[in-house]
Amino acid sequence: MTPFDLSLYLVLDPGLCAGIGMVETARATVAGGVTMVQLRDKAGGTAQMIATGRALKAALAGTGAKLIVNDDVAAAIAIGADGVHIGQGDMSVAETRARIGPEAILGLTVETPELAAAVDPVLVDYIGAGPVFATSTKPDHKQPVGFGGLVAQIAASPIPAVAIGGLKAQHVVQALAAGAAGVAVVSAICGQRDPEAAARTLANEIGAFRSRASEDGGHQR
C-alpha cells in the first residue's frame, strides 16, 4: 500500500476555492505543509473531476502530498489518483477496493464508534472521524459529535483517523489529543486570503503539539 501522512488533510471545495481555483489552492497549501489533498466536487460530473484531478496531480508531482478523490471511483482511476475516500452511502468498501487495487489509499467516513469498530483494516487504510462541529461546507453531514465523540470513534477504530468537521487552527491540539493522526480542513484553508499562510499556521500547530508530546514522552521514560 502507498505510504501516506494524514497530518494536514485539505478537502478542496470548488465554491470556496473559486478565487484562485482548486489547483492553485492545492499548490500553495502543499508549500505551506498540507500532506494530503482531497478533490471533492459534488456538483461536477466525472469528466470535470478527471480534468481537475489531472491538473491537481501534475501540480502535486514531486511534493510527496497524496491526491485523494471523493466518491468518484471512475474519476480516481482515470486520474491515476493516490486513492479514494468514500462515505457510508457510497459504493461498498469491498467493491471500491476491488476496483482501485491493493496499492491505492482507501478512506472511509464514519460517524459513530460502532461504524468505526466495524471497519475492515484489510480493506480500509484510514477513517474520517467526526463531524466534530457543524460545517456549512457539507450541509448533509450527520449530527456533530464534539471532541468526546471524536475520542470514542478513534478509540473504536482499528486504523488511523483524520478528524473532520468545522476544524480551525485553534482546534488542532484537541483533535490530536483525542488520538487523531491528523486534521482535515476545508474553510480553514479554502477561501482564505492567503491559503499558504493558513496551511502553515495549521502545520505549525501540528508540529508544536507533536514536539511537546515527544518531550513529555521522553520525560516519562
N, C-alpha and C. Protein backbone atom coordinates (compact mmCIF):
# COMPACT_ATOMS: atom_id res chain seq x y z
N MET A 1 0.84 -1.19 0.00
CA MET A 1 0.00 0.00 0.00
C MET A 1 0.89 1.26 0.00
N THR A 2 0.44 2.28 -0.69
CA THR A 2 1.17 3.55 -0.76
C THR A 2 1.24 4.18 0.62
N PRO A 3 2.45 4.54 1.12
CA PRO A 3 2.52 5.23 2.42
C PRO A 3 1.91 6.63 2.31
N PHE A 4 1.33 7.10 3.41
CA PHE A 4 0.70 8.42 3.40
C PHE A 4 0.79 9.05 4.78
N ASP A 5 0.60 10.36 4.82
CA ASP A 5 0.69 11.15 6.05
C ASP A 5 -0.59 11.95 6.20
N LEU A 6 -1.39 11.63 7.21
CA LEU A 6 -2.68 12.29 7.42
C LEU A 6 -2.57 13.64 8.13
N SER A 7 -1.37 14.07 8.49
CA SER A 7 -1.20 15.22 9.39
C SER A 7 -2.08 16.42 9.05
N LEU A 8 -1.99 16.90 7.82
CA LEU A 8 -2.78 18.07 7.42
C LEU A 8 -3.44 17.75 6.08
N TYR A 9 -4.73 17.50 6.16
CA TYR A 9 -5.51 16.93 5.06
C TYR A 9 -6.47 18.00 4.55
N LEU A 10 -6.24 18.49 3.35
CA LEU A 10 -7.07 19.54 2.77
C LEU A 10 -8.16 18.94 1.90
N VAL A 11 -9.41 19.28 2.18
CA VAL A 11 -10.53 18.90 1.33
C VAL A 11 -10.90 20.13 0.49
N LEU A 12 -10.67 20.02 -0.81
CA LEU A 12 -10.92 21.15 -1.70
C LEU A 12 -12.41 21.34 -1.93
N ASP A 13 -12.84 22.59 -1.88
CA ASP A 13 -14.24 22.94 -2.13
C ASP A 13 -14.26 23.91 -3.31
N PRO A 14 -14.92 23.55 -4.44
CA PRO A 14 -14.86 24.41 -5.62
C PRO A 14 -15.42 25.80 -5.40
N GLY A 15 -16.44 25.92 -4.55
CA GLY A 15 -17.02 27.23 -4.26
C GLY A 15 -16.08 28.11 -3.47
N LEU A 16 -15.56 27.57 -2.36
CA LEU A 16 -14.66 28.35 -1.51
C LEU A 16 -13.34 28.66 -2.20
N CYS A 17 -12.92 27.76 -3.08
CA CYS A 17 -11.63 27.94 -3.76
C CYS A 17 -11.75 28.75 -5.05
N ALA A 18 -12.94 29.25 -5.33
CA ALA A 18 -13.19 29.88 -6.64
C ALA A 18 -12.26 31.05 -6.92
N GLY A 19 -11.83 31.75 -5.88
CA GLY A 19 -10.98 32.93 -6.08
C GLY A 19 -9.72 32.64 -6.88
N ILE A 20 -8.97 31.62 -6.47
CA ILE A 20 -7.73 31.28 -7.19
C ILE A 20 -7.80 29.89 -7.81
N GLY A 21 -8.89 29.18 -7.56
CA GLY A 21 -9.07 27.85 -8.15
C GLY A 21 -8.50 26.75 -7.28
N MET A 22 -8.98 25.54 -7.50
CA MET A 22 -8.57 24.41 -6.66
C MET A 22 -7.12 24.02 -6.89
N VAL A 23 -6.65 24.10 -8.13
CA VAL A 23 -5.27 23.69 -8.41
C VAL A 23 -4.27 24.63 -7.75
N GLU A 24 -4.49 25.93 -7.88
CA GLU A 24 -3.57 26.89 -7.26
C GLU A 24 -3.65 26.84 -5.74
N THR A 25 -4.86 26.61 -5.22
CA THR A 25 -5.01 26.45 -3.77
C THR A 25 -4.19 25.27 -3.28
N ALA A 26 -4.30 24.15 -3.99
CA ALA A 26 -3.54 22.95 -3.59
C ALA A 26 -2.05 23.21 -3.67
N ARG A 27 -1.60 23.83 -4.75
CA ARG A 27 -0.17 24.09 -4.93
C ARG A 27 0.37 24.95 -3.78
N ALA A 28 -0.37 26.00 -3.45
CA ALA A 28 0.07 26.92 -2.39
C ALA A 28 0.06 26.25 -1.02
N THR A 29 -0.97 25.48 -0.75
CA THR A 29 -1.10 24.92 0.60
C THR A 29 -0.15 23.76 0.86
N VAL A 30 0.18 23.01 -0.19
CA VAL A 30 1.20 21.97 -0.03
C VAL A 30 2.54 22.61 0.33
N ALA A 31 2.82 23.77 -0.27
CA ALA A 31 4.03 24.51 0.11
C ALA A 31 3.96 24.94 1.57
N GLY A 32 2.73 25.13 2.09
CA GLY A 32 2.55 25.53 3.48
C GLY A 32 2.47 24.38 4.46
N GLY A 33 2.50 23.13 3.96
CA GLY A 33 2.53 22.00 4.88
C GLY A 33 1.41 20.98 4.73
N VAL A 34 0.50 21.17 3.78
CA VAL A 34 -0.55 20.18 3.55
C VAL A 34 0.08 18.87 3.06
N THR A 35 -0.36 17.74 3.63
CA THR A 35 0.22 16.44 3.30
C THR A 35 -0.68 15.58 2.41
N MET A 36 -1.99 15.88 2.43
CA MET A 36 -2.93 15.15 1.58
C MET A 36 -3.97 16.13 1.05
N VAL A 37 -4.37 15.92 -0.20
CA VAL A 37 -5.34 16.79 -0.85
C VAL A 37 -6.48 15.93 -1.38
N GLN A 38 -7.70 16.27 -0.96
CA GLN A 38 -8.87 15.55 -1.46
C GLN A 38 -9.65 16.43 -2.43
N LEU A 39 -9.92 15.90 -3.60
CA LEU A 39 -10.76 16.57 -4.58
C LEU A 39 -12.21 16.18 -4.32
N ARG A 40 -12.99 17.16 -3.86
CA ARG A 40 -14.42 16.92 -3.61
C ARG A 40 -15.23 17.95 -4.39
N ASP A 41 -16.03 17.47 -5.32
CA ASP A 41 -16.86 18.37 -6.13
C ASP A 41 -18.17 17.67 -6.40
N LYS A 42 -19.13 17.88 -5.51
CA LYS A 42 -20.40 17.17 -5.59
C LYS A 42 -21.22 17.58 -6.81
N ALA A 43 -20.99 18.81 -7.29
CA ALA A 43 -21.78 19.30 -8.42
C ALA A 43 -21.15 18.95 -9.76
N GLY A 44 -19.85 18.73 -9.77
CA GLY A 44 -19.16 18.43 -11.02
C GLY A 44 -19.33 16.97 -11.42
N GLY A 45 -19.45 16.72 -12.69
CA GLY A 45 -19.56 15.34 -13.17
C GLY A 45 -18.19 14.69 -13.27
N THR A 46 -18.18 13.43 -13.68
CA THR A 46 -16.93 12.67 -13.75
C THR A 46 -15.92 13.33 -14.68
N ALA A 47 -16.38 13.81 -15.85
CA ALA A 47 -15.44 14.42 -16.80
C ALA A 47 -14.75 15.64 -16.20
N GLN A 48 -15.52 16.45 -15.49
CA GLN A 48 -14.94 17.63 -14.85
C GLN A 48 -13.97 17.23 -13.74
N MET A 49 -14.36 16.21 -12.98
CA MET A 49 -13.47 15.71 -11.91
C MET A 49 -12.15 15.22 -12.49
N ILE A 50 -12.22 14.53 -13.61
CA ILE A 50 -11.00 14.00 -14.23
C ILE A 50 -10.09 15.14 -14.69
N ALA A 51 -10.68 16.15 -15.32
CA ALA A 51 -9.88 17.28 -15.80
C ALA A 51 -9.20 18.00 -14.64
N THR A 52 -9.98 18.28 -13.59
CA THR A 52 -9.40 18.96 -12.42
C THR A 52 -8.38 18.07 -11.74
N GLY A 53 -8.70 16.80 -11.62
CA GLY A 53 -7.82 15.86 -10.94
C GLY A 53 -6.48 15.69 -11.64
N ARG A 54 -6.50 15.66 -12.96
CA ARG A 54 -5.24 15.54 -13.69
C ARG A 54 -4.37 16.79 -13.51
N ALA A 55 -5.02 17.95 -13.48
CA ALA A 55 -4.27 19.19 -13.23
C ALA A 55 -3.71 19.19 -11.80
N LEU A 56 -4.48 18.70 -10.86
CA LEU A 56 -4.01 18.60 -9.47
C LEU A 56 -2.83 17.63 -9.37
N LYS A 57 -2.95 16.49 -10.04
CA LYS A 57 -1.87 15.50 -9.98
C LYS A 57 -0.57 16.09 -10.51
N ALA A 58 -0.67 16.85 -11.60
CA ALA A 58 0.53 17.49 -12.16
C ALA A 58 1.10 18.53 -11.20
N ALA A 59 0.20 19.28 -10.54
CA ALA A 59 0.65 20.32 -9.61
C ALA A 59 1.32 19.72 -8.37
N LEU A 60 0.88 18.53 -7.96
CA LEU A 60 1.41 17.90 -6.74
C LEU A 60 2.60 16.99 -7.00
N ALA A 61 2.92 16.77 -8.27
CA ALA A 61 4.02 15.85 -8.62
C ALA A 61 5.31 16.29 -7.95
N GLY A 62 5.96 15.35 -7.27
CA GLY A 62 7.24 15.63 -6.64
C GLY A 62 7.16 16.25 -5.27
N THR A 63 5.94 16.57 -4.80
CA THR A 63 5.81 17.22 -3.48
C THR A 63 5.70 16.21 -2.34
N GLY A 64 5.31 14.99 -2.66
CA GLY A 64 5.07 14.00 -1.60
C GLY A 64 3.64 13.99 -1.10
N ALA A 65 2.89 15.06 -1.40
CA ALA A 65 1.48 15.11 -0.99
C ALA A 65 0.66 14.14 -1.83
N LYS A 66 -0.31 13.49 -1.20
CA LYS A 66 -1.13 12.49 -1.89
C LYS A 66 -2.45 13.10 -2.36
N LEU A 67 -2.91 12.66 -3.52
CA LEU A 67 -4.17 13.13 -4.09
C LEU A 67 -5.24 12.06 -3.91
N ILE A 68 -6.32 12.43 -3.23
CA ILE A 68 -7.44 11.54 -2.96
C ILE A 68 -8.68 12.10 -3.67
N VAL A 69 -9.48 11.23 -4.26
CA VAL A 69 -10.71 11.65 -4.92
C VAL A 69 -11.90 11.22 -4.08
N ASN A 70 -12.82 12.14 -3.85
CA ASN A 70 -14.01 11.84 -3.06
C ASN A 70 -15.06 11.14 -3.92
N ASP A 71 -15.48 9.97 -3.48
CA ASP A 71 -16.63 9.24 -4.02
C ASP A 71 -16.46 8.66 -5.42
N ASP A 72 -15.93 9.44 -6.36
CA ASP A 72 -15.97 9.05 -7.78
C ASP A 72 -14.82 8.12 -8.12
N VAL A 73 -15.07 6.82 -8.02
CA VAL A 73 -14.03 5.82 -8.24
C VAL A 73 -13.54 5.84 -9.69
N ALA A 74 -14.48 5.99 -10.63
CA ALA A 74 -14.10 6.02 -12.05
C ALA A 74 -13.16 7.18 -12.33
N ALA A 75 -13.46 8.34 -11.74
CA ALA A 75 -12.60 9.52 -11.93
C ALA A 75 -11.23 9.28 -11.31
N ALA A 76 -11.21 8.69 -10.13
CA ALA A 76 -9.94 8.44 -9.44
C ALA A 76 -9.03 7.54 -10.27
N ILE A 77 -9.62 6.52 -10.88
CA ILE A 77 -8.85 5.59 -11.70
C ILE A 77 -8.32 6.30 -12.95
N ALA A 78 -9.17 7.10 -13.58
CA ALA A 78 -8.78 7.82 -14.80
C ALA A 78 -7.68 8.84 -14.51
N ILE A 79 -7.75 9.47 -13.35
CA ILE A 79 -6.76 10.47 -12.95
C ILE A 79 -5.42 9.81 -12.60
N GLY A 80 -5.50 8.58 -12.10
CA GLY A 80 -4.31 7.95 -11.53
C GLY A 80 -4.03 8.52 -10.15
N ALA A 81 -5.12 8.85 -9.44
CA ALA A 81 -5.00 9.43 -8.09
C ALA A 81 -4.40 8.40 -7.13
N ASP A 82 -3.93 8.91 -6.00
CA ASP A 82 -3.32 8.03 -4.99
C ASP A 82 -4.36 7.22 -4.24
N GLY A 83 -5.61 7.69 -4.27
CA GLY A 83 -6.63 6.96 -3.53
C GLY A 83 -8.01 7.57 -3.66
N VAL A 84 -8.94 6.98 -2.89
CA VAL A 84 -10.35 7.35 -2.92
C VAL A 84 -10.84 7.47 -1.48
N HIS A 85 -11.77 8.41 -1.27
CA HIS A 85 -12.45 8.50 0.03
C HIS A 85 -13.94 8.32 -0.21
N ILE A 86 -14.55 7.39 0.51
CA ILE A 86 -15.98 7.13 0.34
C ILE A 86 -16.72 7.33 1.66
N GLY A 87 -18.03 7.55 1.52
CA GLY A 87 -18.90 7.66 2.68
C GLY A 87 -19.69 6.38 2.89
N GLN A 88 -20.51 6.37 3.93
CA GLN A 88 -21.28 5.17 4.25
C GLN A 88 -22.32 4.86 3.18
N GLY A 89 -22.78 5.87 2.44
CA GLY A 89 -23.81 5.64 1.45
C GLY A 89 -23.29 5.49 0.03
N ASP A 90 -21.98 5.45 -0.12
CA ASP A 90 -21.38 5.35 -1.45
C ASP A 90 -21.16 3.88 -1.83
N MET A 91 -20.37 3.66 -2.87
CA MET A 91 -20.02 2.30 -3.27
C MET A 91 -19.46 1.53 -2.07
N SER A 92 -19.72 0.24 -2.01
CA SER A 92 -19.26 -0.54 -0.86
C SER A 92 -17.74 -0.55 -0.76
N VAL A 93 -17.26 -0.75 0.45
CA VAL A 93 -15.81 -0.81 0.68
C VAL A 93 -15.18 -1.92 -0.16
N ALA A 94 -15.80 -3.09 -0.17
CA ALA A 94 -15.23 -4.24 -0.89
C ALA A 94 -15.15 -3.96 -2.39
N GLU A 95 -16.22 -3.38 -2.95
CA GLU A 95 -16.22 -3.10 -4.39
C GLU A 95 -15.22 -2.00 -4.72
N THR A 96 -15.16 -0.97 -3.87
CA THR A 96 -14.20 0.11 -4.10
C THR A 96 -12.78 -0.43 -4.11
N ARG A 97 -12.44 -1.23 -3.11
CA ARG A 97 -11.09 -1.80 -3.03
C ARG A 97 -10.80 -2.68 -4.25
N ALA A 98 -11.77 -3.45 -4.67
CA ALA A 98 -11.57 -4.32 -5.84
C ALA A 98 -11.27 -3.49 -7.09
N ARG A 99 -11.91 -2.34 -7.20
CA ARG A 99 -11.74 -1.51 -8.40
C ARG A 99 -10.45 -0.70 -8.37
N ILE A 100 -10.04 -0.23 -7.20
CA ILE A 100 -8.85 0.64 -7.15
C ILE A 100 -7.56 -0.14 -6.95
N GLY A 101 -7.68 -1.41 -6.56
CA GLY A 101 -6.49 -2.25 -6.39
C GLY A 101 -5.88 -2.14 -5.00
N PRO A 102 -4.90 -3.00 -4.71
CA PRO A 102 -4.36 -3.10 -3.35
C PRO A 102 -3.44 -1.95 -2.95
N GLU A 103 -2.86 -1.25 -3.92
CA GLU A 103 -1.87 -0.21 -3.59
C GLU A 103 -2.49 1.14 -3.28
N ALA A 104 -3.69 1.41 -3.81
CA ALA A 104 -4.32 2.71 -3.63
C ALA A 104 -4.77 2.90 -2.18
N ILE A 105 -4.82 4.15 -1.76
CA ILE A 105 -5.26 4.51 -0.41
C ILE A 105 -6.79 4.55 -0.40
N LEU A 106 -7.40 3.95 0.62
CA LEU A 106 -8.86 4.00 0.74
C LEU A 106 -9.25 4.55 2.10
N GLY A 107 -10.00 5.65 2.08
CA GLY A 107 -10.51 6.26 3.30
C GLY A 107 -12.01 6.10 3.38
N LEU A 108 -12.53 6.04 4.60
CA LEU A 108 -13.97 5.82 4.82
C LEU A 108 -14.46 6.76 5.91
N THR A 109 -15.55 7.46 5.64
CA THR A 109 -16.17 8.32 6.65
C THR A 109 -16.94 7.46 7.65
N VAL A 110 -16.75 7.75 8.94
CA VAL A 110 -17.57 7.12 9.98
C VAL A 110 -18.15 8.24 10.85
N GLU A 111 -19.30 7.97 11.45
CA GLU A 111 -19.92 8.99 12.30
C GLU A 111 -20.23 8.49 13.71
N THR A 112 -19.96 7.20 13.97
CA THR A 112 -20.24 6.63 15.28
C THR A 112 -19.12 5.66 15.66
N PRO A 113 -18.96 5.38 16.96
CA PRO A 113 -17.98 4.37 17.37
C PRO A 113 -18.29 2.99 16.79
N GLU A 114 -19.58 2.70 16.60
CA GLU A 114 -19.96 1.39 16.06
C GLU A 114 -19.47 1.24 14.61
N LEU A 115 -19.65 2.30 13.83
CA LEU A 115 -19.16 2.27 12.45
C LEU A 115 -17.63 2.18 12.41
N ALA A 116 -16.99 2.89 13.34
CA ALA A 116 -15.52 2.84 13.40
C ALA A 116 -15.03 1.44 13.73
N ALA A 117 -15.70 0.80 14.68
CA ALA A 117 -15.29 -0.55 15.11
C ALA A 117 -15.52 -1.58 14.01
N ALA A 118 -16.47 -1.30 13.12
CA ALA A 118 -16.83 -2.26 12.07
C ALA A 118 -15.91 -2.18 10.85
N VAL A 119 -15.00 -1.21 10.83
CA VAL A 119 -14.12 -1.03 9.67
C VAL A 119 -13.19 -2.24 9.51
N ASP A 120 -13.04 -2.67 8.28
CA ASP A 120 -12.13 -3.80 7.98
C ASP A 120 -10.75 -3.24 7.66
N PRO A 121 -9.76 -3.45 8.54
CA PRO A 121 -8.43 -2.89 8.32
C PRO A 121 -7.68 -3.52 7.15
N VAL A 122 -8.19 -4.62 6.64
CA VAL A 122 -7.58 -5.23 5.46
C VAL A 122 -7.93 -4.42 4.21
N LEU A 123 -9.10 -3.79 4.24
CA LEU A 123 -9.59 -3.08 3.06
C LEU A 123 -9.44 -1.56 3.15
N VAL A 124 -9.60 -1.02 4.35
CA VAL A 124 -9.62 0.44 4.55
C VAL A 124 -8.33 0.87 5.23
N ASP A 125 -7.78 2.00 4.78
CA ASP A 125 -6.50 2.48 5.31
C ASP A 125 -6.62 3.54 6.39
N TYR A 126 -7.66 4.36 6.34
CA TYR A 126 -7.87 5.38 7.37
C TYR A 126 -9.35 5.72 7.42
N ILE A 127 -9.79 6.29 8.54
CA ILE A 127 -11.17 6.78 8.64
C ILE A 127 -11.16 8.30 8.75
N GLY A 128 -12.25 8.89 8.26
CA GLY A 128 -12.54 10.29 8.54
C GLY A 128 -13.51 10.30 9.71
N ALA A 129 -13.07 10.78 10.87
CA ALA A 129 -13.86 10.69 12.10
C ALA A 129 -14.51 12.04 12.41
N GLY A 130 -15.77 12.00 12.79
CA GLY A 130 -16.48 13.22 13.10
C GLY A 130 -17.96 13.07 12.73
N PRO A 131 -18.59 14.20 12.33
CA PRO A 131 -18.04 15.55 12.29
C PRO A 131 -17.93 16.13 13.71
N VAL A 132 -16.79 16.78 13.97
CA VAL A 132 -16.59 17.35 15.31
C VAL A 132 -17.55 18.50 15.53
N PHE A 133 -17.62 19.41 14.57
CA PHE A 133 -18.54 20.54 14.64
C PHE A 133 -19.41 20.57 13.39
N ALA A 134 -20.48 21.36 13.42
CA ALA A 134 -21.29 21.60 12.23
C ALA A 134 -20.46 22.39 11.23
N THR A 135 -20.70 22.14 9.95
CA THR A 135 -19.97 22.86 8.91
C THR A 135 -20.85 23.11 7.71
N SER A 136 -20.78 24.31 7.18
CA SER A 136 -21.61 24.67 6.03
C SER A 136 -21.08 24.08 4.73
N THR A 137 -19.84 23.55 4.75
CA THR A 137 -19.28 23.00 3.51
C THR A 137 -19.84 21.62 3.20
N LYS A 138 -20.52 21.02 4.15
CA LYS A 138 -21.18 19.73 3.90
C LYS A 138 -22.54 19.75 4.59
N PRO A 139 -23.55 20.37 3.95
CA PRO A 139 -24.84 20.60 4.61
C PRO A 139 -25.54 19.33 5.07
N ASP A 140 -25.24 18.19 4.43
CA ASP A 140 -25.95 16.94 4.76
C ASP A 140 -25.22 16.11 5.80
N HIS A 141 -24.26 16.73 6.50
CA HIS A 141 -23.49 15.93 7.46
C HIS A 141 -24.35 15.49 8.64
N LYS A 142 -23.85 14.46 9.31
CA LYS A 142 -24.54 13.92 10.47
C LYS A 142 -24.39 14.88 11.67
N GLN A 143 -25.09 14.56 12.74
CA GLN A 143 -25.05 15.38 13.95
C GLN A 143 -23.61 15.50 14.46
N PRO A 144 -23.16 16.73 14.75
CA PRO A 144 -21.80 16.89 15.29
C PRO A 144 -21.61 16.11 16.58
N VAL A 145 -20.40 15.55 16.75
CA VAL A 145 -20.15 14.67 17.90
C VAL A 145 -19.26 15.32 18.96
N GLY A 146 -18.65 16.49 18.64
CA GLY A 146 -17.75 17.13 19.60
C GLY A 146 -16.49 16.31 19.81
N PHE A 147 -15.63 16.80 20.69
CA PHE A 147 -14.37 16.09 20.92
C PHE A 147 -14.57 14.79 21.71
N GLY A 148 -15.61 14.74 22.53
CA GLY A 148 -15.90 13.50 23.24
C GLY A 148 -16.27 12.38 22.28
N GLY A 149 -17.12 12.72 21.29
CA GLY A 149 -17.49 11.75 20.28
C GLY A 149 -16.32 11.35 19.41
N LEU A 150 -15.44 12.32 19.15
CA LEU A 150 -14.24 12.03 18.35
C LEU A 150 -13.36 11.02 19.07
N VAL A 151 -13.16 11.23 20.36
CA VAL A 151 -12.36 10.29 21.17
C VAL A 151 -12.92 8.87 21.07
N ALA A 152 -14.25 8.77 21.18
CA ALA A 152 -14.89 7.45 21.15
C ALA A 152 -14.73 6.77 19.79
N GLN A 153 -14.89 7.55 18.72
CA GLN A 153 -14.73 6.98 17.38
C GLN A 153 -13.30 6.49 17.15
N ILE A 154 -12.34 7.31 17.54
CA ILE A 154 -10.94 6.96 17.31
C ILE A 154 -10.54 5.75 18.17
N ALA A 155 -11.03 5.71 19.40
CA ALA A 155 -10.71 4.58 20.29
C ALA A 155 -11.26 3.27 19.73
N ALA A 156 -12.39 3.35 19.02
CA ALA A 156 -13.02 2.14 18.49
C ALA A 156 -12.39 1.68 17.17
N SER A 157 -11.68 2.59 16.50
CA SER A 157 -11.18 2.29 15.15
C SER A 157 -9.91 1.45 15.18
N PRO A 158 -9.83 0.44 14.30
CA PRO A 158 -8.60 -0.36 14.22
C PRO A 158 -7.52 0.28 13.34
N ILE A 159 -7.85 1.41 12.72
CA ILE A 159 -6.92 2.07 11.79
C ILE A 159 -6.81 3.55 12.12
N PRO A 160 -5.81 4.26 11.57
CA PRO A 160 -5.65 5.69 11.87
C PRO A 160 -6.86 6.52 11.44
N ALA A 161 -7.03 7.64 12.13
CA ALA A 161 -8.17 8.51 11.87
C ALA A 161 -7.70 9.94 11.60
N VAL A 162 -8.40 10.59 10.67
CA VAL A 162 -8.23 12.03 10.49
C VAL A 162 -9.52 12.67 10.98
N ALA A 163 -9.41 13.68 11.83
CA ALA A 163 -10.58 14.36 12.39
C ALA A 163 -11.10 15.38 11.39
N ILE A 164 -12.42 15.48 11.28
CA ILE A 164 -13.01 16.42 10.32
C ILE A 164 -14.30 17.03 10.89
N GLY A 165 -14.63 18.21 10.38
CA GLY A 165 -15.89 18.84 10.75
C GLY A 165 -15.69 20.19 11.41
N GLY A 166 -15.59 21.24 10.61
CA GLY A 166 -15.52 22.59 11.15
C GLY A 166 -14.26 22.93 11.92
N LEU A 167 -13.18 22.20 11.68
CA LEU A 167 -11.96 22.39 12.47
C LEU A 167 -11.14 23.58 11.97
N LYS A 168 -10.61 24.37 12.93
CA LYS A 168 -9.74 25.50 12.65
C LYS A 168 -8.42 25.30 13.42
N ALA A 169 -7.51 26.26 13.26
CA ALA A 169 -6.19 26.13 13.89
C ALA A 169 -6.31 25.96 15.41
N GLN A 170 -7.28 26.64 16.02
CA GLN A 170 -7.41 26.56 17.49
C GLN A 170 -7.92 25.21 17.99
N HIS A 171 -8.33 24.34 17.05
CA HIS A 171 -8.84 23.02 17.45
C HIS A 171 -7.81 21.91 17.27
N VAL A 172 -6.66 22.22 16.70
CA VAL A 172 -5.67 21.20 16.37
C VAL A 172 -5.26 20.40 17.60
N VAL A 173 -4.95 21.09 18.68
CA VAL A 173 -4.45 20.42 19.89
C VAL A 173 -5.47 19.40 20.39
N GLN A 174 -6.75 19.82 20.48
CA GLN A 174 -7.77 18.90 20.99
C GLN A 174 -7.98 17.72 20.06
N ALA A 175 -7.92 17.96 18.75
CA ALA A 175 -8.12 16.87 17.80
C ALA A 175 -7.00 15.84 17.91
N LEU A 176 -5.76 16.31 17.98
CA LEU A 176 -4.64 15.38 18.08
C LEU A 176 -4.61 14.71 19.46
N ALA A 177 -4.98 15.45 20.49
CA ALA A 177 -5.04 14.86 21.83
C ALA A 177 -6.10 13.78 21.92
N ALA A 178 -7.12 13.87 21.06
CA ALA A 178 -8.17 12.85 21.02
C ALA A 178 -7.69 11.56 20.36
N GLY A 179 -6.49 11.62 19.78
CA GLY A 179 -5.93 10.43 19.15
C GLY A 179 -5.89 10.48 17.64
N ALA A 180 -6.32 11.60 17.04
CA ALA A 180 -6.32 11.70 15.58
C ALA A 180 -4.89 11.74 15.05
N ALA A 181 -4.70 11.11 13.89
CA ALA A 181 -3.39 11.14 13.23
C ALA A 181 -3.21 12.45 12.47
N GLY A 182 -4.29 13.19 12.30
CA GLY A 182 -4.22 14.46 11.59
C GLY A 182 -5.56 15.16 11.60
N VAL A 183 -5.60 16.34 11.01
CA VAL A 183 -6.84 17.11 10.92
C VAL A 183 -7.16 17.37 9.46
N ALA A 184 -8.44 17.23 9.12
CA ALA A 184 -8.93 17.54 7.78
C ALA A 184 -9.68 18.87 7.85
N VAL A 185 -9.37 19.76 6.93
CA VAL A 185 -9.98 21.09 6.94
C VAL A 185 -10.48 21.46 5.55
N VAL A 186 -11.46 22.34 5.53
CA VAL A 186 -11.96 22.89 4.27
C VAL A 186 -11.83 24.41 4.35
N SER A 187 -12.78 25.04 5.07
CA SER A 187 -12.82 26.51 5.09
C SER A 187 -11.67 27.14 5.88
N ALA A 188 -10.98 26.36 6.69
CA ALA A 188 -9.81 26.91 7.40
C ALA A 188 -8.69 27.25 6.43
N ILE A 189 -8.77 26.71 5.21
CA ILE A 189 -7.76 27.00 4.17
C ILE A 189 -8.43 27.53 2.90
N CYS A 190 -9.42 26.80 2.37
CA CYS A 190 -10.07 27.22 1.12
C CYS A 190 -10.78 28.56 1.31
N GLY A 191 -10.49 29.49 0.44
CA GLY A 191 -11.15 30.79 0.52
C GLY A 191 -10.46 31.78 1.43
N GLN A 192 -9.42 31.36 2.14
CA GLN A 192 -8.66 32.29 2.97
C GLN A 192 -7.83 33.21 2.05
N ARG A 193 -7.56 34.41 2.54
CA ARG A 193 -6.85 35.40 1.72
C ARG A 193 -5.49 34.89 1.28
N ASP A 194 -4.82 34.16 2.19
CA ASP A 194 -3.50 33.60 1.89
C ASP A 194 -3.52 32.12 2.28
N PRO A 195 -3.93 31.24 1.36
CA PRO A 195 -4.07 29.82 1.70
C PRO A 195 -2.77 29.19 2.19
N GLU A 196 -1.64 29.61 1.62
CA GLU A 196 -0.36 29.03 2.05
C GLU A 196 -0.08 29.37 3.50
N ALA A 197 -0.32 30.63 3.88
CA ALA A 197 -0.10 31.05 5.27
C ALA A 197 -1.07 30.33 6.21
N ALA A 198 -2.33 30.16 5.75
CA ALA A 198 -3.31 29.44 6.57
C ALA A 198 -2.87 28.01 6.81
N ALA A 199 -2.35 27.37 5.75
CA ALA A 199 -1.86 26.00 5.89
C ALA A 199 -0.66 25.95 6.83
N ARG A 200 0.23 26.92 6.71
CA ARG A 200 1.43 26.93 7.56
C ARG A 200 1.06 27.10 9.04
N THR A 201 0.06 27.92 9.31
CA THR A 201 -0.40 28.10 10.69
C THR A 201 -0.87 26.76 11.27
N LEU A 202 -1.66 26.04 10.50
CA LEU A 202 -2.14 24.72 10.94
C LEU A 202 -0.99 23.73 11.10
N ALA A 203 -0.09 23.71 10.11
CA ALA A 203 1.05 22.79 10.17
C ALA A 203 1.94 23.09 11.38
N ASN A 204 2.10 24.36 11.69
CA ASN A 204 2.91 24.73 12.86
C ASN A 204 2.27 24.26 14.16
N GLU A 205 0.93 24.35 14.23
CA GLU A 205 0.21 23.88 15.42
C GLU A 205 0.41 22.36 15.58
N ILE A 206 0.33 21.65 14.47
CA ILE A 206 0.51 20.19 14.49
C ILE A 206 1.94 19.86 14.94
N GLY A 207 2.92 20.54 14.35
CA GLY A 207 4.32 20.30 14.70
C GLY A 207 4.61 20.60 16.16
N ALA A 208 4.03 21.70 16.66
CA ALA A 208 4.26 22.08 18.06
C ALA A 208 3.66 21.06 19.00
N PHE A 209 2.47 20.56 18.69
CA PHE A 209 1.83 19.55 19.53
C PHE A 209 2.69 18.29 19.58
N ARG A 210 3.19 17.88 18.44
CA ARG A 210 3.98 16.64 18.40
C ARG A 210 5.32 16.80 19.09
N SER A 211 5.88 17.99 19.02
CA SER A 211 7.14 18.25 19.75
C SER A 211 6.92 18.14 21.25
N ARG A 212 5.81 18.75 21.71
CA ARG A 212 5.51 18.68 23.15
C ARG A 212 5.25 17.25 23.58
N ALA A 213 4.51 16.51 22.75
CA ALA A 213 4.19 15.12 23.09
C ALA A 213 5.46 14.28 23.14
N SER A 214 6.39 14.55 22.22
CA SER A 214 7.65 13.81 22.20
C SER A 214 8.48 14.13 23.45
N GLU A 215 8.50 15.41 23.81
CA GLU A 215 9.25 15.81 25.01
C GLU A 215 8.64 15.20 26.27
N ASP A 216 7.31 15.22 26.33
CA ASP A 216 6.63 14.65 27.50
C ASP A 216 6.91 13.16 27.60
N GLY A 217 6.90 12.49 26.45
CA GLY A 217 7.19 11.05 26.43
C GLY A 217 8.60 10.77 26.89
N GLY A 218 9.52 11.64 26.48
CA GLY A 218 10.93 11.50 26.88
C GLY A 218 11.10 11.68 28.39
N HIS A 219 10.33 12.62 28.94
CA HIS A 219 10.44 12.85 30.39
C HIS A 219 9.89 11.69 31.20
N GLN A 220 8.92 10.98 30.60
CA GLN A 220 8.28 9.89 31.33
C GLN A 220 9.12 8.62 31.33
N ARG A 221 10.03 8.51 30.36
CA ARG A 221 10.83 7.27 30.27
C ARG A 221 11.81 7.16 31.43
